[in-house]
Amino acid sequence: MGYAYSRVLVDGTVLYCCNTEVRVGSLAEARFSELWHGPAWQALRARFRRGDYLPSCAQCGKLNQNSDRPAPARSRMSDERSQRERGGKARAAEPAPRGAL
């Protein structure tokens, strides 16, 4: 995620993805290419590469379609969210075999 898709709102707000809470800048502040290669975008890419997803990522169709390990990511995110809501700790998800969908 973060290498082939973005969203630009009519007011010039540039989003990392569909999630309106993941703002990376504005076209009023910088050119799109500067934002795309800038520190905010790079930090989000690094975060998601580590598997440190946002709670809203659990319902993301693009993550589920484009991730090489969508099932464990969905499971981990769902477990973490439900555990937070109950005030407990989430269990660690087991990694899927490489290439498994």
Protein backbone atom coordinates (compact mmCIF):
# COMPACT_ATOMS: atom_id res chain seq x y z
CA MET A 1 0.00 0.00 0.00
CA GLY A 2 1.09 3.52 -0.61
CA TYR A 3 2.95 2.92 -3.86
CA ALA A 4 0.18 2.88 -6.47
CA TYR A 5 -2.85 4.65 -5.05
CA SER A 6 -3.80 7.93 -3.45
CA ARG A 7 -6.81 10.17 -3.18
CA VAL A 8 -6.99 13.90 -3.74
CA LEU A 9 -10.08 15.67 -2.43
CA VAL A 10 -11.68 18.60 -4.25
CA ASP A 11 -10.18 21.03 -1.71
CA GLY A 12 -6.65 19.80 -2.56
CA THR A 13 -6.23 17.60 0.50
CA VAL A 14 -4.03 14.62 -0.37
CA LEU A 15 -4.83 11.36 1.38
CA TYR A 16 -2.60 8.30 1.62
CA CYS A 17 -5.59 6.12 0.81
CA CYS A 18 -9.40 6.25 0.98
CA ASN A 19 -9.31 6.88 4.72
CA THR A 20 -9.99 10.58 5.26
CA GLU A 21 -8.09 10.42 8.57
CA VAL A 22 -4.79 9.62 6.81
CA ARG A 23 -3.90 13.03 5.41
CA VAL A 24 -0.41 13.49 3.98
CA GLY A 25 -0.66 17.09 2.91
CA SER A 26 -2.34 19.56 0.62
CA LEU A 27 -1.74 20.66 -2.95
CA ALA A 28 -1.93 24.21 -1.57
CA GLU A 29 1.23 23.44 0.45
CA ALA A 30 3.27 21.33 -1.99
CA ARG A 31 3.24 19.63 -5.36
CA PHE A 32 1.87 16.11 -5.44
CA SER A 33 5.29 14.62 -6.25
CA GLU A 34 6.80 16.35 -3.22
CA LEU A 35 4.12 14.85 -1.00
CA TRP A 36 4.42 11.40 -2.64
CA HIS A 37 8.16 11.28 -1.93
CA GLY A 38 8.01 13.32 1.28
CA PRO A 39 8.52 12.35 4.92
CA ALA A 40 4.83 11.89 5.84
CA TRP A 41 4.28 9.41 3.02
CA GLN A 42 7.55 7.59 3.69
CA ALA A 43 6.68 7.26 7.39
CA LEU A 44 3.28 5.75 6.57
CA ARG A 45 4.83 3.33 4.07
CA ALA A 46 7.37 2.20 6.68
CA ARG A 47 4.68 1.85 9.34
CA PHE A 48 2.47 -0.32 7.15
CA ARG A 49 5.44 -2.43 5.96
CA ARG A 50 6.00 -3.27 9.64
CA GLY A 51 2.40 -4.44 9.84
CA ASP A 52 1.46 -1.53 12.11
CA TYR A 53 -1.96 -0.87 10.56
CA LEU A 54 -4.63 1.59 11.61
CA PRO A 55 -7.84 0.16 13.10
CA SER A 56 -9.74 1.29 10.00
CA CYS A 57 -7.43 -0.83 7.79
CA ALA A 58 -9.34 -3.93 8.94
CA GLN A 59 -12.18 -3.01 6.59
CA CYS A 60 -9.99 -1.90 3.67
CA GLY A 61 -10.75 -3.68 0.43
CA LYS A 62 -7.55 -2.45 -1.20
CA LEU A 63 -5.38 -3.84 1.61
CA ASN A 64 -7.24 -7.13 1.42
CA GLN A 65 -6.85 -7.31 -2.37
CA ASN A 66 -3.23 -6.17 -2.59
CA SER A 67 -1.54 -7.57 0.48
CA ASP A 68 0.46 -10.76 0.07
CA ARG A 69 -0.84 -11.83 3.50
CA PRO A 70 -4.36 -10.45 3.80
CA ALA A 71 -5.95 -13.10 6.03
CA PRO A 72 -3.47 -12.84 8.94
CA ALA A 73 -3.49 -9.04 8.70
CA ARG A 74 -7.29 -8.97 8.87
CA SER A 75 -7.26 -11.45 11.73
CA ARG A 76 -4.63 -9.54 13.69
CA MET A 77 -6.37 -6.20 13.16
CA SER A 78 -9.76 -7.63 14.14
CA ASP A 79 -8.32 -9.27 17.27
CA GLU A 80 -6.50 -6.10 18.30
CA ARG A 81 -9.60 -4.00 17.83
CA SER A 82 -11.90 -6.35 19.75
CA GLN A 83 -9.34 -6.73 22.55
CA ARG A 84 -8.93 -2.95 22.85
CA GLU A 85 -12.69 -2.58 23.09
CA ARG A 86 -12.70 -5.12 25.94
CA GLY A 87 -9.59 -3.64 27.55
CA GLY A 88 -7.43 -6.74 27.07
CA LYS A 89 -4.39 -7.74 25.07
CA ALA A 90 -4.61 -9.01 21.52
CA ARG A 91 -3.20 -12.39 20.59
CA ALA A 92 -0.39 -12.51 18.08
CA ALA A 93 -1.50 -13.72 14.66
CA GLU A 94 0.41 -16.58 13.10
CA PRO A 95 2.01 -15.66 9.78
CA ALA A 96 0.58 -17.33 6.69
CA PRO A 97 2.83 -19.36 4.44
CA ARG A 98 4.40 -17.22 1.73
CA GLY A 99 2.07 -16.91 -1.24
CA ALA A 100 -1.01 -18.06 0.69
CA LEU A 101 -4.15 -16.01 0.21
